[in-house]
Structure formats: C-alpha cells, structure tokens
Amino acid sequence: MANSSASSSPRPSQKADDPEEKGPRTEDNNNTLRQRHLQQQQPNRSKPSPSSSGWISSPLRKLELEAFKLYRNVWATFAFGMLEPWEIVLIITVASIITLLLWYSLLYHFPSHIRTVVRRAAYYIYGSAHHHPQADQL
C-alpha cells in the first residue's frame, strides 16, 4: 500500500512547472500553453522568406496586392457575391456605358456650353457682350 501512495505523488523526474500538470497557472504557463497550442495547429509553418507570399518584395507584388484590395472592396461594396454572373455582367456593362457617355458629353459638349454661359453672364453683368474684353474671344 505504501507503494501505491507514492505513485500518486509527482515523480522526481517531472518538472514542477510542466503546463500539463494540474495546479495554479501563472502567466508563464499560459504563454507556454498558447505556444504549444499554436504549434499543434500549424506544425509545418516556418518563417516566411522574402520570396514567399508573406512578404511584399517587388513593386509588381505591391501592385498586385493593391489591385486585389480594390477588387475586394468593389466586390463587397456592390454585393456582387450575391448576384449571378449574368447580373454582374449586366451591371458592369450598364455602368461602363453610362460612364463613357458622361465622359463624351464632358469632353465634346461641355466646353461649348461653358462658352455660351460666359457670354450670357457677360451680357447680364455688363449689359452687352462687347463691353467685356474676353467675351468675343470665347
């Protein structure tokens, strides 16, 4: 019987600070447990090298990362994830056509409209378009 009671007590070969041992946990034991848990979850991970995807090592890689961020933000903003592919194509096509028409009107029709507005403003301000020195040049 004396032998069985000796087996329930900790063996001298066991360390007193073993995190698996029951007892009060200290900050050091918690850190050890956390490290052991992370190693069990990711046993084959090593430190990333500059050539791996963990680091940004070239301007092309930075550009690729920024393009991905833009893609992700647009995808999330317009909720493209919930749409079917044909709906995404339709939305992008309509938005592109509207954008092209806007640029066309700004580049080809807006300058002549501005000239007309300036002439009318000169007429209303000065009473005649000829009194303003730059009104005839527009």
C-alpha atoms as a PDB file:
ATOM      1  CA  MET A   1       0.000   0.000   0.000  1.00  0.00           C
ATOM      2  CA  ALA A   2       2.797   2.369   0.745  1.00  0.00           C
ATOM      3  CA  ASN A   3       3.980   1.845  -2.771  1.00  0.00           C
ATOM      4  CA  SER A   4       0.610   2.900  -4.304  1.00  0.00           C
ATOM      5  CA  SER A   5       0.510   6.176  -2.369  1.00  0.00           C
ATOM      6  CA  ALA A   6       3.968   7.004  -3.623  1.00  0.00           C
ATOM      7  CA  SER A   7       2.811   6.560  -7.220  1.00  0.00           C
ATOM      8  CA  SER A   8       0.081   9.205  -6.849  1.00  0.00           C
ATOM      9  CA  SER A   9       2.579  11.868  -5.846  1.00  0.00           C
ATOM     10  CA  PRO A  10       4.599  13.542  -8.618  1.00  0.00           C
ATOM     11  CA  ARG A  11       7.699  11.696  -9.692  1.00  0.00           C
ATOM     12  CA  PRO A  12      11.009  13.460  -9.173  1.00  0.00           C
ATOM     13  CA  SER A  13      11.672  13.294 -12.933  1.00  0.00           C
ATOM     14  CA  GLN A  14       8.623  15.506 -13.697  1.00  0.00           C
ATOM     15  CA  LYS A  15       9.189  19.225 -13.760  1.00  0.00           C
ATOM     16  CA  ALA A  16       7.175  21.322 -11.340  1.00  0.00           C
ATOM     17  CA  ASP A  17       6.490  23.990 -13.991  1.00  0.00           C
ATOM     18  CA  ASP A  18       5.056  21.497 -16.541  1.00  0.00           C
ATOM     19  CA  PRO A  19       1.990  23.243 -18.087  1.00  0.00           C
ATOM     20  CA  GLU A  20       0.154  19.922 -18.294  1.00  0.00           C
ATOM     21  CA  GLU A  21       0.392  19.489 -14.533  1.00  0.00           C
ATOM     22  CA  LYS A  22      -2.712  20.481 -12.599  1.00  0.00           C
ATOM     23  CA  GLY A  23      -2.263  23.402 -10.320  1.00  0.00           C
ATOM     24  CA  PRO A  24      -2.235  27.190 -10.305  1.00  0.00           C
ATOM     25  CA  ARG A  25      -1.475  28.676 -13.701  1.00  0.00           C
ATOM     26  CA  THR A  26       0.905  31.542 -13.990  1.00  0.00           C
ATOM     27  CA  GLU A  27       1.448  33.920 -16.890  1.00  0.00           C
ATOM     28  CA  ASP A  28       4.484  31.914 -17.976  1.00  0.00           C
ATOM     29  CA  ASN A  29       2.452  28.697 -18.020  1.00  0.00           C
ATOM     30  CA  ASN A  30      -0.285  30.388 -20.049  1.00  0.00           C
ATOM     31  CA  ASN A  31       2.261  31.577 -22.621  1.00  0.00           C
ATOM     32  CA  THR A  32       3.740  28.082 -22.844  1.00  0.00           C
ATOM     33  CA  LEU A  33       0.282  26.587 -23.346  1.00  0.00           C
ATOM     34  CA  ARG A  34      -0.501  29.166 -26.022  1.00  0.00           C
ATOM     35  CA  GLN A  35       2.736  28.426 -27.873  1.00  0.00           C
ATOM     36  CA  ARG A  36       2.175  24.683 -27.696  1.00  0.00           C
ATOM     37  CA  HIS A  37      -1.396  25.109 -28.943  1.00  0.00           C
ATOM     38  CA  LEU A  38      -0.245  27.239 -31.912  1.00  0.00           C
ATOM     39  CA  GLN A  39       2.440  24.696 -32.782  1.00  0.00           C
ATOM     40  CA  GLN A  40      -0.138  21.918 -32.822  1.00  0.00           C
ATOM     41  CA  GLN A  41      -2.420  23.901 -35.128  1.00  0.00           C
ATOM     42  CA  GLN A  42       0.346  24.875 -37.563  1.00  0.00           C
ATOM     43  CA  PRO A  43       3.098  22.270 -37.275  1.00  0.00           C
ATOM     44  CA  ASN A  44       4.656  22.770 -40.735  1.00  0.00           C
ATOM     45  CA  ARG A  45       4.752  26.567 -40.818  1.00  0.00           C
ATOM     46  CA  SER A  46       8.135  28.156 -40.880  1.00  0.00           C
ATOM     47  CA  LYS A  47       9.186  31.764 -41.019  1.00  0.00           C
ATOM     48  CA  PRO A  48       8.229  33.329 -44.376  1.00  0.00           C
ATOM     49  CA  SER A  49      11.099  34.128 -46.665  1.00  0.00           C
ATOM     50  CA  PRO A  50      11.228  37.330 -48.728  1.00  0.00           C
ATOM     51  CA  SER A  51      10.365  35.343 -51.852  1.00  0.00           C
ATOM     52  CA  SER A  52       7.213  33.761 -50.374  1.00  0.00           C
ATOM     53  CA  SER A  53       3.790  35.337 -50.435  1.00  0.00           C
ATOM     54  CA  GLY A  54       4.102  36.514 -46.833  1.00  0.00           C
ATOM     55  CA  TRP A  55       6.292  39.451 -47.782  1.00  0.00           C
ATOM     56  CA  ILE A  56       5.999  42.166 -50.395  1.00  0.00           C
ATOM     57  CA  SER A  57       9.309  42.064 -52.195  1.00  0.00           C
ATOM     58  CA  SER A  58       8.739  43.736 -55.554  1.00  0.00           C
ATOM     59  CA  PRO A  59       6.786  46.656 -56.984  1.00  0.00           C
ATOM     60  CA  LEU A  60       4.811  44.194 -59.113  1.00  0.00           C
ATOM     61  CA  ARG A  61       3.767  42.307 -55.974  1.00  0.00           C
ATOM     62  CA  LYS A  62       2.693  45.594 -54.341  1.00  0.00           C
ATOM     63  CA  LEU A  63       0.663  46.481 -57.425  1.00  0.00           C
ATOM     64  CA  GLU A  64      -0.936  43.049 -57.404  1.00  0.00           C
ATOM     65  CA  LEU A  65      -1.837  43.454 -53.728  1.00  0.00           C
ATOM     66  CA  GLU A  66      -3.369  46.903 -54.303  1.00  0.00           C
ATOM     67  CA  ALA A  67      -5.363  45.589 -57.284  1.00  0.00           C
ATOM     68  CA  PHE A  68      -6.666  42.755 -55.141  1.00  0.00           C
ATOM     69  CA  LYS A  69      -7.685  45.195 -52.392  1.00  0.00           C
ATOM     70  CA  LEU A  70      -9.536  47.337 -54.940  1.00  0.00           C
ATOM     71  CA  TYR A  71     -11.245  44.249 -56.395  1.00  0.00           C
ATOM     72  CA  ARG A  72     -12.255  43.046 -52.920  1.00  0.00           C
ATOM     73  CA  ASN A  73     -13.611  46.459 -51.915  1.00  0.00           C
ATOM     74  CA  VAL A  74     -15.642  46.854 -55.105  1.00  0.00           C
ATOM     75  CA  TRP A  75     -16.926  43.286 -54.826  1.00  0.00           C
ATOM     76  CA  ALA A  76     -18.033  43.879 -51.215  1.00  0.00           C
ATOM     77  CA  THR A  77     -19.423  47.391 -51.775  1.00  0.00           C
ATOM     78  CA  PHE A  78     -21.748  46.411 -54.602  1.00  0.00           C
ATOM     79  CA  ALA A  79     -22.524  42.944 -53.142  1.00  0.00           C
ATOM     80  CA  PHE A  80     -21.503  41.144 -56.322  1.00  0.00           C
ATOM     81  CA  GLY A  81     -21.144  37.962 -54.295  1.00  0.00           C
ATOM     82  CA  MET A  82     -24.902  37.517 -54.084  1.00  0.00           C
ATOM     83  CA  LEU A  83     -25.503  38.103 -57.807  1.00  0.00           C
ATOM     84  CA  GLU A  84     -25.409  35.629 -60.637  1.00  0.00           C
ATOM     85  CA  PRO A  85     -22.695  36.020 -63.276  1.00  0.00           C
ATOM     86  CA  TRP A  86     -25.047  37.382 -65.943  1.00  0.00           C
ATOM     87  CA  GLU A  87     -26.299  40.028 -63.484  1.00  0.00           C
ATOM     88  CA  ILE A  88     -22.733  41.117 -62.747  1.00  0.00           C
ATOM     89  CA  VAL A  89     -22.007  41.429 -66.485  1.00  0.00           C
ATOM     90  CA  LEU A  90     -25.205  43.443 -66.988  1.00  0.00           C
ATOM     91  CA  ILE A  91     -24.415  45.847 -64.137  1.00  0.00           C
ATOM     92  CA  ILE A  92     -20.810  46.380 -65.257  1.00  0.00           C
ATOM     93  CA  THR A  93     -21.926  46.913 -68.879  1.00  0.00           C
ATOM     94  CA  VAL A  94     -24.581  49.492 -67.963  1.00  0.00           C
ATOM     95  CA  ALA A  95     -22.193  51.326 -65.613  1.00  0.00           C
ATOM     96  CA  SER A  96     -19.492  51.386 -68.316  1.00  0.00           C
ATOM     97  CA  ILE A  97     -21.870  52.775 -70.958  1.00  0.00           C
ATOM     98  CA  ILE A  98     -23.113  55.495 -68.614  1.00  0.00           C
ATOM     99  CA  THR A  99     -19.528  56.415 -67.695  1.00  0.00           C
ATOM    100  CA  LEU A 100     -18.477  56.598 -71.367  1.00  0.00           C
ATOM    101  CA  LEU A 101     -21.471  58.801 -72.227  1.00  0.00           C
ATOM    102  CA  LEU A 102     -20.652  61.095 -69.317  1.00  0.00           C
ATOM    103  CA  TRP A 103     -17.043  61.495 -70.464  1.00  0.00           C
ATOM    104  CA  TYR A 104     -18.142  62.068 -74.055  1.00  0.00           C
ATOM    105  CA  SER A 105     -20.509  64.837 -73.008  1.00  0.00           C
ATOM    106  CA  LEU A 106     -17.902  66.429 -70.743  1.00  0.00           C
ATOM    107  CA  LEU A 107     -15.228  66.461 -73.447  1.00  0.00           C
ATOM    108  CA  TYR A 108     -17.288  67.427 -76.503  1.00  0.00           C
ATOM    109  CA  HIS A 109     -20.396  69.316 -75.351  1.00  0.00           C
ATOM    110  CA  PHE A 110     -19.429  70.920 -72.068  1.00  0.00           C
ATOM    111  CA  PRO A 111     -16.822  73.389 -73.473  1.00  0.00           C
ATOM    112  CA  SER A 112     -19.309  74.933 -75.922  1.00  0.00           C
ATOM    113  CA  HIS A 113     -21.914  75.114 -73.162  1.00  0.00           C
ATOM    114  CA  ILE A 114     -19.427  76.946 -70.934  1.00  0.00           C
ATOM    115  CA  ARG A 115     -18.739  79.458 -73.733  1.00  0.00           C
ATOM    116  CA  THR A 116     -22.476  80.151 -74.035  1.00  0.00           C
ATOM    117  CA  VAL A 117     -22.832  80.579 -70.262  1.00  0.00           C
ATOM    118  CA  VAL A 118     -19.890  83.011 -70.123  1.00  0.00           C
ATOM    119  CA  ARG A 119     -21.344  85.134 -72.961  1.00  0.00           C
ATOM    120  CA  ARG A 120     -24.748  85.297 -71.265  1.00  0.00           C
ATOM    121  CA  ALA A 121     -23.170  86.150 -67.910  1.00  0.00           C
ATOM    122  CA  ALA A 122     -21.163  88.940 -69.561  1.00  0.00           C
ATOM    123  CA  TYR A 123     -24.335  90.287 -71.170  1.00  0.00           C
ATOM    124  CA  TYR A 124     -26.218  90.265 -67.847  1.00  0.00           C
ATOM    125  CA  ILE A 125     -23.319  91.775 -65.895  1.00  0.00           C
ATOM    126  CA  TYR A 126     -22.102  94.394 -68.381  1.00  0.00           C
ATOM    127  CA  GLY A 127     -25.277  94.971 -70.377  1.00  0.00           C
ATOM    128  CA  SER A 128     -23.609  93.965 -73.630  1.00  0.00           C
ATOM    129  CA  ALA A 129     -21.201  91.188 -74.563  1.00  0.00           C
ATOM    130  CA  HIS A 130     -18.982  93.723 -76.365  1.00  0.00           C
ATOM    131  CA  HIS A 131     -18.137  95.603 -73.188  1.00  0.00           C
ATOM    132  CA  HIS A 132     -16.275  92.627 -71.788  1.00  0.00           C
ATOM    133  CA  PRO A 133     -12.817  92.323 -73.383  1.00  0.00           C
ATOM    134  CA  GLN A 134     -12.672  88.500 -73.368  1.00  0.00           C
ATOM    135  CA  ALA A 135     -16.284  87.832 -74.371  1.00  0.00           C
ATOM    136  CA  ASP A 136     -15.503  87.908 -78.102  1.00  0.00           C
ATOM    137  CA  GLN A 137     -12.530  85.607 -77.733  1.00  0.00           C
ATOM    138  CA  LEU A 138     -14.621  82.833 -76.220  1.00  0.00           C
END
